[in-house]
Amino acid sequence: MLAILQEGQRQAEPLSTGGWIMMILSIGAVTALVIYCYKRILSHPEQKEPDLPGGLGP
């Protein structure tokens, strides 16, 4: 148990440049997908109004 605690106290290695790029791209892609999905869900679809005889309708 003591070995596990001592191993957890090691200094964490800094993230490499490739790691930063991958993290930023993946977070950006997920954020863009969420924004796109929310926009599609919350926007009203265009509805075609039917042509009614005599000028009736909305």
N, C-alpha and C. Protein backbone atom coordinates (compact mmCIF):
# COMPACT_ATOMS: atom_id res chain seq x y z
N MET A 1 0.83 -1.19 0.00
CA MET A 1 0.00 0.00 0.00
C MET A 1 0.88 1.25 0.00
N LEU A 2 1.95 1.21 0.73
CA LEU A 2 2.85 2.36 0.81
C LEU A 2 3.51 2.63 -0.53
N ALA A 3 3.80 1.57 -1.28
CA ALA A 3 4.42 1.74 -2.60
C ALA A 3 3.48 2.47 -3.55
N ILE A 4 2.19 2.18 -3.45
CA ILE A 4 1.20 2.85 -4.31
C ILE A 4 1.12 4.33 -3.96
N LEU A 5 1.13 4.65 -2.68
CA LEU A 5 1.09 6.05 -2.26
C LEU A 5 2.34 6.80 -2.68
N GLN A 6 3.49 6.16 -2.56
CA GLN A 6 4.73 6.82 -2.95
C GLN A 6 4.79 7.01 -4.46
N GLU A 7 4.25 6.07 -5.22
CA GLU A 7 4.27 6.19 -6.67
C GLU A 7 3.35 7.32 -7.12
N GLY A 8 2.28 7.56 -6.39
CA GLY A 8 1.35 8.63 -6.73
C GLY A 8 1.93 10.01 -6.48
N GLN A 9 3.00 10.12 -5.72
CA GLN A 9 3.59 11.40 -5.40
C GLN A 9 4.64 11.84 -6.42
N ARG A 10 4.86 11.05 -7.45
CA ARG A 10 5.83 11.43 -8.49
C ARG A 10 5.34 12.67 -9.22
N GLN A 11 6.27 13.39 -9.80
CA GLN A 11 5.92 14.55 -10.60
C GLN A 11 5.29 14.07 -11.92
N ALA A 12 4.22 14.72 -12.30
CA ALA A 12 3.58 14.36 -13.56
C ALA A 12 4.41 14.94 -14.71
N GLU A 13 4.50 14.17 -15.79
CA GLU A 13 5.23 14.64 -16.95
C GLU A 13 4.38 15.66 -17.70
N PRO A 14 5.00 16.72 -18.19
CA PRO A 14 4.22 17.72 -18.93
C PRO A 14 3.72 17.15 -20.26
N LEU A 15 2.62 17.71 -20.73
CA LEU A 15 2.03 17.25 -21.98
C LEU A 15 2.88 17.71 -23.15
N SER A 16 3.13 16.83 -24.08
CA SER A 16 3.96 17.17 -25.24
C SER A 16 3.17 18.05 -26.21
N THR A 17 3.86 18.59 -27.19
CA THR A 17 3.22 19.46 -28.18
C THR A 17 2.16 18.69 -28.97
N GLY A 18 2.48 17.46 -29.34
CA GLY A 18 1.51 16.64 -30.04
C GLY A 18 0.28 16.35 -29.18
N GLY A 19 0.50 16.17 -27.89
CA GLY A 19 -0.61 15.95 -26.97
C GLY A 19 -1.52 17.16 -26.88
N TRP A 20 -0.90 18.34 -26.81
CA TRP A 20 -1.69 19.59 -26.76
C TRP A 20 -2.51 19.76 -28.04
N ILE A 21 -1.88 19.51 -29.18
CA ILE A 21 -2.59 19.66 -30.45
C ILE A 21 -3.76 18.68 -30.52
N MET A 22 -3.55 17.44 -30.15
CA MET A 22 -4.61 16.43 -30.18
C MET A 22 -5.74 16.79 -29.22
N MET A 23 -5.38 17.27 -28.03
CA MET A 23 -6.40 17.64 -27.05
C MET A 23 -7.23 18.82 -27.55
N ILE A 24 -6.58 19.85 -28.09
CA ILE A 24 -7.30 21.03 -28.57
C ILE A 24 -8.20 20.67 -29.75
N LEU A 25 -7.70 19.85 -30.68
CA LEU A 25 -8.51 19.44 -31.82
C LEU A 25 -9.72 18.61 -31.40
N SER A 26 -9.52 17.70 -30.47
CA SER A 26 -10.63 16.84 -30.06
C SER A 26 -11.68 17.62 -29.27
N ILE A 27 -11.24 18.51 -28.38
CA ILE A 27 -12.21 19.32 -27.63
C ILE A 27 -12.93 20.28 -28.58
N GLY A 28 -12.21 20.84 -29.56
CA GLY A 28 -12.84 21.72 -30.53
C GLY A 28 -13.87 20.98 -31.38
N ALA A 29 -13.54 19.75 -31.79
CA ALA A 29 -14.48 18.97 -32.61
C ALA A 29 -15.74 18.62 -31.82
N VAL A 30 -15.59 18.22 -30.59
CA VAL A 30 -16.75 17.87 -29.77
C VAL A 30 -17.60 19.11 -29.51
N THR A 31 -16.96 20.25 -29.22
CA THR A 31 -17.70 21.50 -28.99
C THR A 31 -18.46 21.91 -30.25
N ALA A 32 -17.82 21.82 -31.41
CA ALA A 32 -18.48 22.17 -32.66
C ALA A 32 -19.67 21.25 -32.93
N LEU A 33 -19.53 19.97 -32.66
CA LEU A 33 -20.62 19.03 -32.87
C LEU A 33 -21.79 19.33 -31.93
N VAL A 34 -21.50 19.65 -30.68
CA VAL A 34 -22.56 19.98 -29.72
C VAL A 34 -23.30 21.24 -30.16
N ILE A 35 -22.56 22.27 -30.58
CA ILE A 35 -23.19 23.51 -31.04
C ILE A 35 -24.07 23.25 -32.26
N TYR A 36 -23.55 22.47 -33.21
CA TYR A 36 -24.31 22.14 -34.42
C TYR A 36 -25.61 21.41 -34.06
N CYS A 37 -25.52 20.42 -33.17
CA CYS A 37 -26.70 19.64 -32.80
C CYS A 37 -27.72 20.50 -32.05
N TYR A 38 -27.28 21.33 -31.11
CA TYR A 38 -28.20 22.22 -30.39
C TYR A 38 -28.87 23.19 -31.35
N LYS A 39 -28.11 23.71 -32.31
CA LYS A 39 -28.67 24.66 -33.27
C LYS A 39 -29.75 23.99 -34.12
N ARG A 40 -29.49 22.76 -34.54
CA ARG A 40 -30.50 22.05 -35.35
C ARG A 40 -31.73 21.70 -34.53
N ILE A 41 -31.54 21.35 -33.28
CA ILE A 41 -32.68 20.96 -32.45
C ILE A 41 -33.53 22.17 -32.07
N LEU A 42 -32.88 23.27 -31.74
CA LEU A 42 -33.61 24.43 -31.21
C LEU A 42 -34.14 25.36 -32.29
N SER A 43 -33.70 25.24 -33.52
CA SER A 43 -34.21 26.11 -34.58
C SER A 43 -35.49 25.50 -35.15
N HIS A 44 -36.37 26.38 -35.62
CA HIS A 44 -37.63 25.92 -36.19
C HIS A 44 -37.41 25.55 -37.65
N PRO A 45 -37.95 24.42 -38.05
CA PRO A 45 -37.80 24.04 -39.46
C PRO A 45 -38.67 24.93 -40.36
N GLU A 46 -38.21 25.14 -41.57
CA GLU A 46 -39.01 25.91 -42.51
C GLU A 46 -40.20 25.05 -42.93
N GLN A 47 -41.40 25.63 -42.82
CA GLN A 47 -42.60 24.90 -43.18
C GLN A 47 -43.18 25.52 -44.44
N LYS A 48 -43.47 24.68 -45.40
CA LYS A 48 -44.13 25.17 -46.60
C LYS A 48 -45.62 25.28 -46.31
N GLU A 49 -46.17 26.43 -46.62
CA GLU A 49 -47.60 26.63 -46.40
C GLU A 49 -48.35 26.15 -47.64
N PRO A 50 -49.42 25.42 -47.43
CA PRO A 50 -50.17 24.91 -48.59
C PRO A 50 -50.92 26.04 -49.29
N ASP A 51 -51.05 25.91 -50.59
CA ASP A 51 -51.84 26.85 -51.36
C ASP A 51 -53.29 26.46 -51.23
N LEU A 52 -54.10 27.33 -50.61
CA LEU A 52 -55.50 27.06 -50.44
C LEU A 52 -56.30 27.89 -51.44
N PRO A 53 -57.40 27.38 -51.92
CA PRO A 53 -58.20 28.12 -52.89
C PRO A 53 -58.86 29.35 -52.24
N GLY A 54 -59.00 30.40 -53.01
CA GLY A 54 -59.73 31.58 -52.56
C GLY A 54 -58.92 32.47 -51.61
N GLY A 55 -57.63 32.26 -51.53
CA GLY A 55 -56.82 33.11 -50.67
C GLY A 55 -56.95 32.78 -49.18
N LEU A 56 -57.50 31.63 -48.88
CA LEU A 56 -57.62 31.23 -47.47
C LEU A 56 -56.31 30.67 -46.98
N GLY A 57 -56.11 30.76 -45.74
CA GLY A 57 -54.90 30.20 -45.15
C GLY A 57 -54.19 31.22 -44.30
N PRO A 58 -53.11 30.83 -43.70
CA PRO A 58 -52.42 31.73 -42.78
C PRO A 58 -51.74 32.90 -43.47
